[in-house]
Amino acid sequence: MATYVEVSNAVKSFRETTALNDVSVKFETGRIHGVIGRNGSGKTVLFKCICGFMILDAGSILINGQPVKPAVSQDIGIIIEEPGFIGSLSGYKNLKLLASIRREISDEVIRNTLIRVGLDPSSKKHVRKYSLGMRHRLGIAQAIMEKPKLLILDEPMNGLDKQGVVEIREVLKELNREGITIIMSSHYTEDIDALCDTVCEMDRGVLTLIK
């Protein structure tokens, strides 16, 4: 199977802390890949480097055979930390505003994407009044509305109740069936077991393949 993301001997340090310590891993196309580890283990730093938000001190990352570029030009959907939505606008208007930047997404696509993640596109409720789970659903909608080839999801189930977790798992499985490669982290082993074809563990900047 072809490799979509290839990380080779990646090193990233912050003063006295080495967040990525000679990390090498290949994430194959069309699969769901899990990365587990405690807070501060280096997972989020790895994701930010793959997305082009951080530059490695040493090593390299290839996306579909090409060196890392800004995420917008790499066709990547991203949830890393909580998205910065405008609290005084509805979920639909937030996505509409984001879609206007590239002018490639129709109103129908926005509505259908919100429905897909379990949100009502006609709701006038302001995002600042959303529960944490609703904000996370909106973040997933923002990440998938442009139909990216790669999804990077850092703790996508945070704040969801049991039913919400089940629904978002099904969304991710469906996206994967459509050919989207997914790299995700989760504190919940149930999510990893239910979704992931491969699993890596980060510990103090060292990545180990465990499945």
N, C-alpha and C. Protein backbone atom coordinates (compact mmCIF):
# COMPACT_ATOMS: atom_id res chain seq x y z
N MET A 1 0.85 -1.20 0.00
CA MET A 1 0.00 0.00 0.00
C MET A 1 0.88 1.25 0.00
N ALA A 2 0.46 2.27 -0.73
CA ALA A 2 1.26 3.49 -0.86
C ALA A 2 1.33 4.26 0.46
N THR A 3 2.42 4.99 0.63
CA THR A 3 2.60 5.83 1.82
C THR A 3 2.10 7.23 1.54
N TYR A 4 1.25 7.78 2.43
CA TYR A 4 0.77 9.15 2.24
C TYR A 4 1.58 10.15 3.04
N VAL A 5 1.95 9.79 4.26
CA VAL A 5 2.79 10.65 5.10
C VAL A 5 4.02 9.85 5.53
N GLU A 6 5.20 10.41 5.25
CA GLU A 6 6.44 9.74 5.65
C GLU A 6 7.28 10.70 6.49
N VAL A 7 7.49 10.32 7.74
CA VAL A 7 8.31 11.10 8.67
C VAL A 7 9.64 10.39 8.82
N SER A 8 10.74 11.11 8.60
CA SER A 8 12.07 10.49 8.63
C SER A 8 12.99 11.24 9.58
N ASN A 9 13.41 10.56 10.66
CA ASN A 9 14.41 11.08 11.60
C ASN A 9 14.08 12.50 12.09
N ALA A 10 12.80 12.70 12.41
CA ALA A 10 12.34 14.04 12.80
C ALA A 10 12.80 14.40 14.22
N VAL A 11 13.34 15.61 14.34
CA VAL A 11 13.77 16.14 15.63
C VAL A 11 13.18 17.53 15.81
N LYS A 12 12.57 17.77 16.98
CA LYS A 12 12.06 19.09 17.32
C LYS A 12 12.25 19.30 18.82
N SER A 13 12.95 20.39 19.16
CA SER A 13 13.23 20.68 20.57
C SER A 13 12.77 22.07 20.94
N PHE A 14 12.45 22.23 22.22
CA PHE A 14 12.10 23.52 22.79
C PHE A 14 12.95 23.71 24.04
N ARG A 15 14.00 24.51 23.93
CA ARG A 15 14.94 24.71 25.04
C ARG A 15 15.45 23.37 25.55
N GLU A 16 15.05 23.01 26.78
CA GLU A 16 15.58 21.78 27.39
C GLU A 16 14.75 20.54 27.04
N THR A 17 13.66 20.73 26.33
CA THR A 17 12.74 19.61 26.07
C THR A 17 12.83 19.17 24.61
N THR A 18 13.03 17.88 24.40
CA THR A 18 13.01 17.31 23.05
C THR A 18 11.63 16.70 22.81
N ALA A 19 10.83 17.37 22.00
CA ALA A 19 9.46 16.92 21.74
C ALA A 19 9.42 15.78 20.74
N LEU A 20 10.31 15.81 19.76
CA LEU A 20 10.43 14.72 18.78
C LEU A 20 11.89 14.28 18.77
N ASN A 21 12.11 13.01 19.08
CA ASN A 21 13.47 12.50 19.22
C ASN A 21 13.73 11.43 18.16
N ASP A 22 14.19 11.88 16.99
CA ASP A 22 14.54 10.97 15.88
C ASP A 22 13.35 10.09 15.49
N VAL A 23 12.21 10.73 15.25
CA VAL A 23 10.96 10.02 14.93
C VAL A 23 10.92 9.66 13.45
N SER A 24 10.67 8.38 13.18
CA SER A 24 10.47 7.91 11.81
C SER A 24 9.23 7.03 11.77
N VAL A 25 8.33 7.32 10.84
CA VAL A 25 7.10 6.53 10.71
C VAL A 25 6.50 6.76 9.33
N LYS A 26 5.82 5.75 8.81
CA LYS A 26 5.10 5.87 7.55
C LYS A 26 3.62 5.62 7.81
N PHE A 27 2.78 6.55 7.35
CA PHE A 27 1.34 6.40 7.45
C PHE A 27 0.80 6.10 6.05
N GLU A 28 0.23 4.90 5.88
CA GLU A 28 -0.20 4.46 4.56
C GLU A 28 -1.51 5.13 4.12
N THR A 29 -1.65 5.26 2.83
CA THR A 29 -2.83 5.87 2.23
C THR A 29 -4.09 5.04 2.52
N GLY A 30 -5.19 5.75 2.82
CA GLY A 30 -6.49 5.10 2.92
C GLY A 30 -6.73 4.31 4.18
N ARG A 31 -5.92 4.56 5.22
CA ARG A 31 -6.10 3.84 6.49
C ARG A 31 -6.31 4.85 7.62
N ILE A 32 -6.74 4.35 8.78
CA ILE A 32 -6.86 5.18 9.98
C ILE A 32 -5.72 4.81 10.92
N HIS A 33 -4.92 5.80 11.26
CA HIS A 33 -3.72 5.58 12.08
C HIS A 33 -3.90 6.27 13.43
N GLY A 34 -3.66 5.54 14.50
CA GLY A 34 -3.78 6.09 15.84
C GLY A 34 -2.42 6.40 16.45
N VAL A 35 -2.35 7.52 17.16
CA VAL A 35 -1.14 7.87 17.92
C VAL A 35 -1.58 8.11 19.36
N ILE A 36 -1.07 7.31 20.28
CA ILE A 36 -1.44 7.43 21.68
C ILE A 36 -0.25 7.92 22.50
N GLY A 37 -0.52 8.36 23.70
CA GLY A 37 0.54 8.84 24.58
C GLY A 37 0.00 9.86 25.56
N ARG A 38 0.71 10.05 26.64
CA ARG A 38 0.30 11.00 27.66
C ARG A 38 0.42 12.44 27.16
N ASN A 39 -0.22 13.37 27.85
CA ASN A 39 -0.05 14.79 27.55
C ASN A 39 1.43 15.14 27.66
N GLY A 40 1.93 15.89 26.68
CA GLY A 40 3.33 16.27 26.68
C GLY A 40 4.27 15.25 26.08
N SER A 41 3.70 14.17 25.53
CA SER A 41 4.56 13.11 24.98
C SER A 41 5.12 13.46 23.60
N GLY A 42 4.52 14.45 22.93
CA GLY A 42 5.00 14.86 21.61
C GLY A 42 4.00 14.67 20.49
N LYS A 43 2.81 14.13 20.80
CA LYS A 43 1.82 13.86 19.75
C LYS A 43 1.41 15.12 19.00
N THR A 44 1.05 16.16 19.75
CA THR A 44 0.56 17.39 19.11
C THR A 44 1.67 18.07 18.32
N VAL A 45 2.89 18.03 18.82
CA VAL A 45 4.02 18.60 18.08
C VAL A 45 4.20 17.87 16.75
N LEU A 46 4.11 16.55 16.77
CA LEU A 46 4.22 15.77 15.53
C LEU A 46 3.14 16.19 14.55
N PHE A 47 1.90 16.32 15.03
CA PHE A 47 0.80 16.71 14.15
C PHE A 47 1.03 18.10 13.56
N LYS A 48 1.51 19.03 14.40
CA LYS A 48 1.75 20.39 13.92
C LYS A 48 2.85 20.43 12.87
N CYS A 49 3.84 19.58 13.02
CA CYS A 49 4.92 19.52 12.02
C CYS A 49 4.42 18.93 10.71
N ILE A 50 3.56 17.90 10.78
CA ILE A 50 2.99 17.32 9.57
C ILE A 50 2.15 18.36 8.83
N CYS A 51 1.43 19.19 9.59
CA CYS A 51 0.57 20.21 8.98
C CYS A 51 1.33 21.44 8.51
N GLY A 52 2.61 21.54 8.82
CA GLY A 52 3.38 22.71 8.41
C GLY A 52 3.29 23.88 9.35
N PHE A 53 2.72 23.68 10.55
CA PHE A 53 2.62 24.75 11.53
C PHE A 53 3.92 24.95 12.29
N MET A 54 4.74 23.91 12.36
CA MET A 54 6.06 23.99 13.00
C MET A 54 7.10 23.43 12.04
N ILE A 55 8.31 23.93 12.15
CA ILE A 55 9.41 23.48 11.30
C ILE A 55 10.34 22.59 12.12
N LEU A 56 10.71 21.46 11.56
CA LEU A 56 11.61 20.54 12.24
C LEU A 56 13.00 21.15 12.41
N ASP A 57 13.67 20.74 13.48
CA ASP A 57 15.09 21.10 13.66
C ASP A 57 15.97 20.22 12.79
N ALA A 58 15.53 18.99 12.58
CA ALA A 58 16.28 18.04 11.73
C ALA A 58 15.29 17.00 11.23
N GLY A 59 15.68 16.29 10.15
CA GLY A 59 14.81 15.29 9.56
C GLY A 59 13.89 15.87 8.51
N SER A 60 12.93 15.07 8.06
CA SER A 60 12.05 15.51 6.98
C SER A 60 10.67 14.86 7.10
N ILE A 61 9.70 15.52 6.47
CA ILE A 61 8.35 14.98 6.37
C ILE A 61 7.88 15.15 4.93
N LEU A 62 7.39 14.08 4.35
CA LEU A 62 6.82 14.12 3.00
C LEU A 62 5.33 13.84 3.07
N ILE A 63 4.55 14.65 2.37
CA ILE A 63 3.11 14.45 2.24
C ILE A 63 2.83 14.07 0.80
N ASN A 64 2.38 12.83 0.61
CA ASN A 64 2.14 12.34 -0.75
C ASN A 64 3.37 12.54 -1.64
N GLY A 65 4.54 12.31 -1.04
CA GLY A 65 5.80 12.39 -1.79
C GLY A 65 6.41 13.76 -1.90
N GLN A 66 5.74 14.79 -1.36
CA GLN A 66 6.22 16.16 -1.48
C GLN A 66 6.57 16.73 -0.11
N PRO A 67 7.58 17.60 -0.02
CA PRO A 67 7.92 18.21 1.26
C PRO A 67 6.75 18.99 1.84
N VAL A 68 6.70 19.06 3.16
CA VAL A 68 5.62 19.76 3.86
C VAL A 68 5.52 21.20 3.40
N LYS A 69 4.30 21.63 3.18
CA LYS A 69 3.97 23.03 2.85
C LYS A 69 2.88 23.47 3.80
N PRO A 70 2.46 24.75 3.76
CA PRO A 70 1.33 25.16 4.59
C PRO A 70 0.12 24.27 4.38
N ALA A 71 -0.62 24.00 5.44
CA ALA A 71 -1.69 22.99 5.41
C ALA A 71 -2.74 23.26 4.35
N VAL A 72 -3.05 24.54 4.11
CA VAL A 72 -4.10 24.88 3.14
C VAL A 72 -3.76 24.33 1.76
N SER A 73 -2.47 24.36 1.40
CA SER A 73 -2.06 23.90 0.08
C SER A 73 -1.76 22.40 0.05
N GLN A 74 -1.90 21.73 1.19
CA GLN A 74 -1.62 20.29 1.24
C GLN A 74 -2.88 19.44 1.24
N ASP A 75 -4.05 20.07 1.20
CA ASP A 75 -5.30 19.33 1.18
C ASP A 75 -5.47 18.51 2.45
N ILE A 76 -5.26 19.19 3.61
CA ILE A 76 -5.36 18.56 4.92
C ILE A 76 -6.49 19.20 5.72
N GLY A 77 -7.34 18.36 6.30
CA GLY A 77 -8.31 18.84 7.27
C GLY A 77 -7.75 18.64 8.66
N ILE A 78 -7.94 19.61 9.55
CA ILE A 78 -7.20 19.63 10.81
C ILE A 78 -8.09 19.94 12.01
N ILE A 79 -7.91 19.17 13.07
CA ILE A 79 -8.35 19.59 14.41
C ILE A 79 -7.14 19.43 15.32
N ILE A 80 -6.52 20.53 15.65
CA ILE A 80 -5.43 20.54 16.62
C ILE A 80 -5.76 21.64 17.62
N GLU A 81 -6.05 21.23 18.85
CA GLU A 81 -6.55 22.16 19.86
C GLU A 81 -7.93 22.66 19.39
N GLU A 82 -8.56 23.52 20.14
CA GLU A 82 -9.93 23.93 19.81
C GLU A 82 -9.91 25.00 18.72
N PRO A 83 -10.67 24.79 17.63
CA PRO A 83 -10.71 25.80 16.56
C PRO A 83 -11.19 27.15 17.07
N GLY A 84 -10.70 28.23 16.50
CA GLY A 84 -11.05 29.58 16.95
C GLY A 84 -12.28 30.13 16.25
N PHE A 85 -13.44 29.63 16.60
CA PHE A 85 -14.67 30.11 15.99
C PHE A 85 -15.10 31.45 16.59
N ILE A 86 -15.92 32.17 15.84
CA ILE A 86 -16.45 33.46 16.30
C ILE A 86 -17.70 33.19 17.13
N GLY A 87 -17.65 33.51 18.41
CA GLY A 87 -18.71 33.15 19.34
C GLY A 87 -20.04 33.79 19.07
N SER A 88 -20.04 34.96 18.42
CA SER A 88 -21.29 35.69 18.19
C SER A 88 -22.00 35.26 16.90
N LEU A 89 -21.48 34.26 16.21
CA LEU A 89 -22.10 33.75 14.99
C LEU A 89 -22.57 32.31 15.20
N SER A 90 -23.52 31.88 14.40
CA SER A 90 -23.98 30.49 14.43
C SER A 90 -22.91 29.58 13.84
N GLY A 91 -23.09 28.28 14.03
CA GLY A 91 -22.16 27.32 13.43
C GLY A 91 -22.13 27.44 11.92
N TYR A 92 -23.34 27.55 11.32
CA TYR A 92 -23.41 27.68 9.86
C TYR A 92 -22.67 28.93 9.37
N LYS A 93 -22.88 30.06 10.05
CA LYS A 93 -22.24 31.30 9.60
C LYS A 93 -20.73 31.26 9.79
N ASN A 94 -20.26 30.55 10.84
CA ASN A 94 -18.82 30.38 11.00
C ASN A 94 -18.22 29.61 9.83
N LEU A 95 -18.87 28.51 9.43
CA LEU A 95 -18.35 27.74 8.31
C LEU A 95 -18.49 28.50 7.00
N LYS A 96 -19.57 29.26 6.86
CA LYS A 96 -19.76 30.08 5.66
C LYS A 96 -18.64 31.10 5.53
N LEU A 97 -18.25 31.71 6.65
CA LEU A 97 -17.17 32.69 6.64
C LEU A 97 -15.85 32.03 6.24
N LEU A 98 -15.57 30.86 6.80
CA LEU A 98 -14.34 30.14 6.44
C LEU A 98 -14.36 29.72 4.97
N ALA A 99 -15.53 29.29 4.50
CA ALA A 99 -15.64 28.84 3.11
C ALA A 99 -15.43 29.99 2.13
N SER A 100 -15.77 31.21 2.54
CA SER A 100 -15.65 32.37 1.65
C SER A 100 -14.20 32.70 1.32
N ILE A 101 -13.28 32.22 2.14
CA ILE A 101 -11.86 32.53 1.91
C ILE A 101 -11.39 31.92 0.60
N ARG A 102 -11.79 30.67 0.35
CA ARG A 102 -11.35 30.00 -0.88
C ARG A 102 -12.43 29.96 -1.96
N ARG A 103 -13.67 30.23 -1.58
CA ARG A 103 -14.79 30.32 -2.52
C ARG A 103 -14.95 29.04 -3.34
N GLU A 104 -14.73 27.89 -2.69
CA GLU A 104 -14.84 26.62 -3.39
C GLU A 104 -15.92 25.71 -2.80
N ILE A 105 -16.61 26.20 -1.75
CA ILE A 105 -17.56 25.36 -1.04
C ILE A 105 -18.95 25.99 -1.12
N SER A 106 -19.93 25.23 -1.57
CA SER A 106 -21.29 25.75 -1.73
C SER A 106 -22.03 25.74 -0.40
N ASP A 107 -23.11 26.51 -0.32
CA ASP A 107 -23.96 26.52 0.87
C ASP A 107 -24.52 25.13 1.14
N GLU A 108 -24.83 24.40 0.07
CA GLU A 108 -25.38 23.05 0.24
C GLU A 108 -24.37 22.12 0.89
N VAL A 109 -23.11 22.24 0.49
CA VAL A 109 -22.06 21.41 1.09
C VAL A 109 -21.92 21.73 2.58
N ILE A 110 -21.97 23.01 2.93
CA ILE A 110 -21.88 23.40 4.34
C ILE A 110 -23.03 22.80 5.14
N ARG A 111 -24.24 22.93 4.61
CA ARG A 111 -25.42 22.39 5.32
C ARG A 111 -25.30 20.87 5.49
N ASN A 112 -24.93 20.18 4.42
CA ASN A 112 -24.83 18.72 4.47
C ASN A 112 -23.73 18.27 5.43
N THR A 113 -22.65 19.04 5.50
CA THR A 113 -21.56 18.69 6.41
C THR A 113 -21.99 18.84 7.86
N LEU A 114 -22.72 19.90 8.16
CA LEU A 114 -23.23 20.09 9.52
C LEU A 114 -24.18 18.96 9.91
N ILE A 115 -25.06 18.59 9.01
CA ILE A 115 -25.98 17.48 9.28
C ILE A 115 -25.19 16.19 9.52
N ARG A 116 -24.15 16.01 8.76
CA ARG A 116 -23.35 14.79 8.86
C ARG A 116 -22.74 14.60 10.25
N VAL A 117 -22.36 15.71 10.89
CA VAL A 117 -21.74 15.62 12.22
C VAL A 117 -22.76 15.80 13.35
N GLY A 118 -24.05 15.88 12.99
CA GLY A 118 -25.09 15.94 14.00
C GLY A 118 -25.47 17.33 14.46
N LEU A 119 -25.21 18.35 13.65
CA LEU A 119 -25.60 19.72 13.99
C LEU A 119 -26.68 20.20 13.02
N ASP A 120 -27.53 21.12 13.49
CA ASP A 120 -28.64 21.66 12.70
C ASP A 120 -28.16 22.90 11.95
N PRO A 121 -28.07 22.85 10.61
CA PRO A 121 -27.58 24.00 9.86
C PRO A 121 -28.49 25.22 9.93
N SER A 122 -29.76 25.02 10.29
CA SER A 122 -30.69 26.15 10.35
C SER A 122 -30.71 26.81 11.73
N SER A 123 -30.00 26.25 12.69
CA SER A 123 -30.00 26.80 14.04
C SER A 123 -29.33 28.17 14.08
N LYS A 124 -29.95 29.10 14.79
CA LYS A 124 -29.39 30.44 14.95
C LYS A 124 -28.55 30.57 16.24
N LYS A 125 -28.42 29.49 16.96
CA LYS A 125 -27.70 29.50 18.23
C LYS A 125 -26.25 29.92 18.03
N HIS A 126 -25.79 30.89 18.83
CA HIS A 126 -24.42 31.37 18.72
C HIS A 126 -23.45 30.31 19.25
N VAL A 127 -22.28 30.25 18.63
CA VAL A 127 -21.29 29.25 19.01
C VAL A 127 -20.85 29.41 20.46
N ARG A 128 -20.86 30.64 20.99
CA ARG A 128 -20.46 30.82 22.38
C ARG A 128 -21.40 30.13 23.35
N LYS A 129 -22.60 29.78 22.88
CA LYS A 129 -23.56 29.06 23.72
C LYS A 129 -23.54 27.55 23.46
N TYR A 130 -22.65 27.11 22.60
CA TYR A 130 -22.51 25.69 22.31
C TYR A 130 -21.90 24.97 23.51
N SER A 131 -22.29 23.73 23.71
CA SER A 131 -21.58 22.87 24.65
C SER A 131 -20.23 22.51 24.04
N LEU A 132 -19.34 21.95 24.87
CA LEU A 132 -18.03 21.53 24.37
C LEU A 132 -18.19 20.50 23.27
N GLY A 133 -19.12 19.58 23.44
CA GLY A 133 -19.35 18.57 22.43
C GLY A 133 -19.81 19.15 21.11
N MET A 134 -20.70 20.15 21.16
CA MET A 134 -21.17 20.80 19.94
C MET A 134 -20.04 21.54 19.24
N ARG A 135 -19.19 22.20 20.03
CA ARG A 135 -18.04 22.89 19.44
C ARG A 135 -17.10 21.90 18.75
N HIS A 136 -16.98 20.73 19.36
CA HIS A 136 -16.10 19.73 18.75
C HIS A 136 -16.70 19.19 17.45
N ARG A 137 -18.01 19.00 17.43
CA ARG A 137 -18.67 18.58 16.19
C ARG A 137 -18.46 19.63 15.09
N LEU A 138 -18.57 20.90 15.47
CA LEU A 138 -18.37 21.98 14.50
C LEU A 138 -16.92 21.97 14.00
N GLY A 139 -15.99 21.68 14.90
CA GLY A 139 -14.59 21.58 14.47
C GLY A 139 -14.39 20.47 13.46
N ILE A 140 -15.05 19.33 13.68
CA ILE A 140 -14.94 18.23 12.72
C ILE A 140 -15.56 18.63 11.38
N ALA A 141 -16.71 19.33 11.44
CA ALA A 141 -17.34 19.81 10.21
C ALA A 141 -16.40 20.73 9.44
N GLN A 142 -15.75 21.64 10.16
CA GLN A 142 -14.80 22.56 9.52
C GLN A 142 -13.65 21.79 8.87
N ALA A 143 -13.20 20.71 9.53
CA ALA A 143 -12.07 19.94 9.03
C ALA A 143 -12.41 19.13 7.78
N ILE A 144 -13.68 18.71 7.65
CA ILE A 144 -14.03 17.81 6.54
C ILE A 144 -14.79 18.48 5.41
N MET A 145 -15.20 19.74 5.57
CA MET A 145 -16.12 20.32 4.58
C MET A 145 -15.48 20.51 3.20
N GLU A 146 -14.15 20.59 3.15
CA GLU A 146 -13.49 20.73 1.85
C GLU A 146 -13.06 19.39 1.28
N LYS A 147 -13.51 18.30 1.91
CA LYS A 147 -13.21 16.94 1.45
C LYS A 147 -11.71 16.74 1.26
N PRO A 148 -10.94 16.90 2.33
CA PRO A 148 -9.48 16.75 2.22
C PRO A 148 -9.09 15.30 1.99
N LYS A 149 -7.87 15.09 1.52
CA LYS A 149 -7.36 13.73 1.33
C LYS A 149 -6.75 13.18 2.61
N LEU A 150 -6.40 14.10 3.53
CA LEU A 150 -5.80 13.71 4.79
C LEU A 150 -6.47 14.46 5.93
N LEU A 151 -6.83 13.73 7.00
CA LEU A 151 -7.39 14.34 8.20
C LEU A 151 -6.42 14.14 9.36
N ILE A 152 -6.07 15.22 10.05
CA ILE A 152 -5.25 15.17 11.25
C ILE A 152 -6.15 15.57 12.42
N LEU A 153 -6.42 14.65 13.32
CA LEU A 153 -7.39 14.88 14.39
C LEU A 153 -6.74 14.63 15.75
N ASP A 154 -6.56 15.70 16.51
CA ASP A 154 -5.97 15.60 17.84
C ASP A 154 -7.10 15.56 18.86
N GLU A 155 -7.36 14.40 19.43
CA GLU A 155 -8.43 14.19 20.41
C GLU A 155 -9.82 14.58 19.86
N PRO A 156 -10.27 13.95 18.77
CA PRO A 156 -11.54 14.37 18.16
C PRO A 156 -12.78 14.04 18.97
N MET A 157 -12.66 13.18 19.99
CA MET A 157 -13.84 12.78 20.77
C MET A 157 -14.00 13.58 22.07
N ASN A 158 -13.07 14.49 22.34
CA ASN A 158 -13.15 15.24 23.60
C ASN A 158 -14.49 15.95 23.74
N GLY A 159 -15.12 15.82 24.90
CA GLY A 159 -16.34 16.56 25.18
C GLY A 159 -17.62 15.95 24.64
N LEU A 160 -17.52 14.81 23.96
CA LEU A 160 -18.71 14.17 23.41
C LEU A 160 -19.28 13.16 24.41
N ASP A 161 -20.61 13.08 24.46
CA ASP A 161 -21.23 12.04 25.27
C ASP A 161 -21.13 10.71 24.51
N LYS A 162 -21.63 9.63 25.14
CA LYS A 162 -21.47 8.30 24.55
C LYS A 162 -22.10 8.21 23.16
N GLN A 163 -23.30 8.79 23.01
CA GLN A 163 -23.96 8.75 21.72
C GLN A 163 -23.19 9.57 20.70
N GLY A 164 -22.67 10.70 21.13
CA GLY A 164 -21.87 11.52 20.23
C GLY A 164 -20.63 10.81 19.76
N VAL A 165 -19.98 10.09 20.65
CA VAL A 165 -18.79 9.32 20.29
C VAL A 165 -19.13 8.29 19.22
N VAL A 166 -20.24 7.58 19.42
CA VAL A 166 -20.67 6.57 18.46
C VAL A 166 -20.91 7.21 17.09
N GLU A 167 -21.59 8.37 17.08
CA GLU A 167 -21.92 9.04 15.82
C GLU A 167 -20.66 9.51 15.11
N ILE A 168 -19.72 10.11 15.84
CA ILE A 168 -18.51 10.63 15.20
C ILE A 168 -17.62 9.48 14.74
N ARG A 169 -17.59 8.39 15.47
CA ARG A 169 -16.85 7.21 14.99
C ARG A 169 -17.38 6.78 13.63
N GLU A 170 -18.71 6.76 13.48
CA GLU A 170 -19.31 6.35 12.21
C GLU A 170 -18.96 7.33 11.10
N VAL A 171 -18.95 8.63 11.43
CA VAL A 171 -18.55 9.63 10.44
C VAL A 171 -17.12 9.36 9.97
N LEU A 172 -16.21 9.11 10.91
CA LEU A 172 -14.81 8.88 10.55
C LEU A 172 -14.65 7.59 9.72
N LYS A 173 -15.40 6.56 10.08
CA LYS A 173 -15.35 5.32 9.30
C LYS A 173 -15.84 5.55 7.88
N GLU A 174 -16.91 6.34 7.75
CA GLU A 174 -17.46 6.63 6.42
C GLU A 174 -16.47 7.44 5.59
N LEU A 175 -15.84 8.44 6.22
CA LEU A 175 -14.84 9.23 5.51
C LEU A 175 -13.68 8.35 5.05
N ASN A 176 -13.27 7.43 5.90
CA ASN A 176 -12.18 6.52 5.54
C ASN A 176 -12.59 5.63 4.37
N ARG A 177 -13.84 5.16 4.39
CA ARG A 177 -14.32 4.34 3.27
C ARG A 177 -14.31 5.12 1.97
N GLU A 178 -14.45 6.45 2.07
CA GLU A 178 -14.41 7.30 0.88
C GLU A 178 -12.98 7.56 0.41
N GLY A 179 -12.00 7.02 1.13
CA GLY A 179 -10.61 7.13 0.69
C GLY A 179 -9.75 8.13 1.43
N ILE A 180 -10.32 8.77 2.46
CA ILE A 180 -9.55 9.76 3.22
C ILE A 180 -8.64 9.05 4.21
N THR A 181 -7.38 9.43 4.22
CA THR A 181 -6.42 8.93 5.19
C THR A 181 -6.57 9.74 6.49
N ILE A 182 -6.62 9.07 7.62
CA ILE A 182 -6.84 9.74 8.90
C ILE A 182 -5.72 9.39 9.88
N ILE A 183 -5.16 10.42 10.50
CA ILE A 183 -4.21 10.24 11.60
C ILE A 183 -4.83 10.92 12.81
N MET A 184 -5.02 10.17 13.89
CA MET A 184 -5.72 10.72 15.04
C MET A 184 -5.05 10.32 16.34
N SER A 185 -5.25 11.15 17.35
CA SER A 185 -4.84 10.78 18.70
C SER A 185 -6.07 10.69 19.57
N SER A 186 -5.98 9.93 20.64
CA SER A 186 -7.07 9.85 21.59
C SER A 186 -6.54 9.31 22.91
N HIS A 187 -7.11 9.83 24.00
CA HIS A 187 -6.81 9.28 25.32
C HIS A 187 -7.61 8.01 25.57
N TYR A 188 -8.60 7.76 24.72
CA TYR A 188 -9.52 6.65 24.96
C TYR A 188 -9.14 5.44 24.10
N THR A 189 -8.73 4.37 24.75
CA THR A 189 -8.33 3.18 24.00
C THR A 189 -9.48 2.59 23.20
N GLU A 190 -10.72 2.84 23.67
CA GLU A 190 -11.88 2.33 22.93
C GLU A 190 -11.95 2.93 21.52
N ASP A 191 -11.66 4.23 21.41
CA ASP A 191 -11.67 4.88 20.10
C ASP A 191 -10.60 4.28 19.19
N ILE A 192 -9.41 4.12 19.75
CA ILE A 192 -8.30 3.59 18.98
C ILE A 192 -8.61 2.17 18.52
N ASP A 193 -9.10 1.34 19.43
CA ASP A 193 -9.42 -0.05 19.09
C ASP A 193 -10.53 -0.14 18.04
N ALA A 194 -11.52 0.76 18.15
CA ALA A 194 -12.67 0.70 17.25
C ALA A 194 -12.36 1.22 15.85
N LEU A 195 -11.39 2.13 15.75
CA LEU A 195 -11.19 2.84 14.49
C LEU A 195 -9.89 2.54 13.76
N CYS A 196 -8.81 2.29 14.48
CA CYS A 196 -7.48 2.40 13.87
C CYS A 196 -6.94 1.08 13.31
N ASP A 197 -6.34 1.21 12.12
CA ASP A 197 -5.66 0.07 11.48
C ASP A 197 -4.24 -0.10 12.04
N THR A 198 -3.61 1.02 12.38
CA THR A 198 -2.28 0.98 12.98
C THR A 198 -2.27 1.86 14.23
N VAL A 199 -1.41 1.54 15.17
CA VAL A 199 -1.30 2.33 16.40
C VAL A 199 0.17 2.54 16.74
N CYS A 200 0.53 3.80 17.00
CA CYS A 200 1.87 4.15 17.48
C CYS A 200 1.74 4.80 18.86
N GLU A 201 2.77 4.66 19.66
CA GLU A 201 2.78 5.29 20.98
C GLU A 201 3.93 6.29 21.07
N MET A 202 3.60 7.50 21.53
CA MET A 202 4.61 8.51 21.79
C MET A 202 4.92 8.54 23.27
N ASP A 203 6.21 8.57 23.61
CA ASP A 203 6.62 8.68 25.01
C ASP A 203 7.91 9.49 25.05
N ARG A 204 7.82 10.69 25.60
CA ARG A 204 8.97 11.59 25.73
C ARG A 204 9.68 11.80 24.39
N GLY A 205 8.86 11.98 23.36
CA GLY A 205 9.40 12.31 22.03
C GLY A 205 9.82 11.13 21.19
N VAL A 206 9.70 9.91 21.74
CA VAL A 206 10.07 8.71 21.00
C VAL A 206 8.79 8.00 20.53
N LEU A 207 8.76 7.65 19.25
CA LEU A 207 7.59 6.99 18.66
C LEU A 207 7.86 5.51 18.46
N THR A 208 6.92 4.66 18.94
CA THR A 208 7.05 3.22 18.81
C THR A 208 5.80 2.65 18.17
N LEU A 209 5.95 1.84 17.15
CA LEU A 209 4.81 1.18 16.51
C LEU A 209 4.40 -0.01 17.37
N ILE A 210 3.12 -0.04 17.79
CA ILE A 210 2.66 -1.14 18.63
C ILE A 210 1.59 -1.98 17.96
N LYS A 211 1.09 -1.54 16.81
CA LYS A 211 0.10 -2.35 16.06
C LYS A 211 0.25 -2.08 14.59
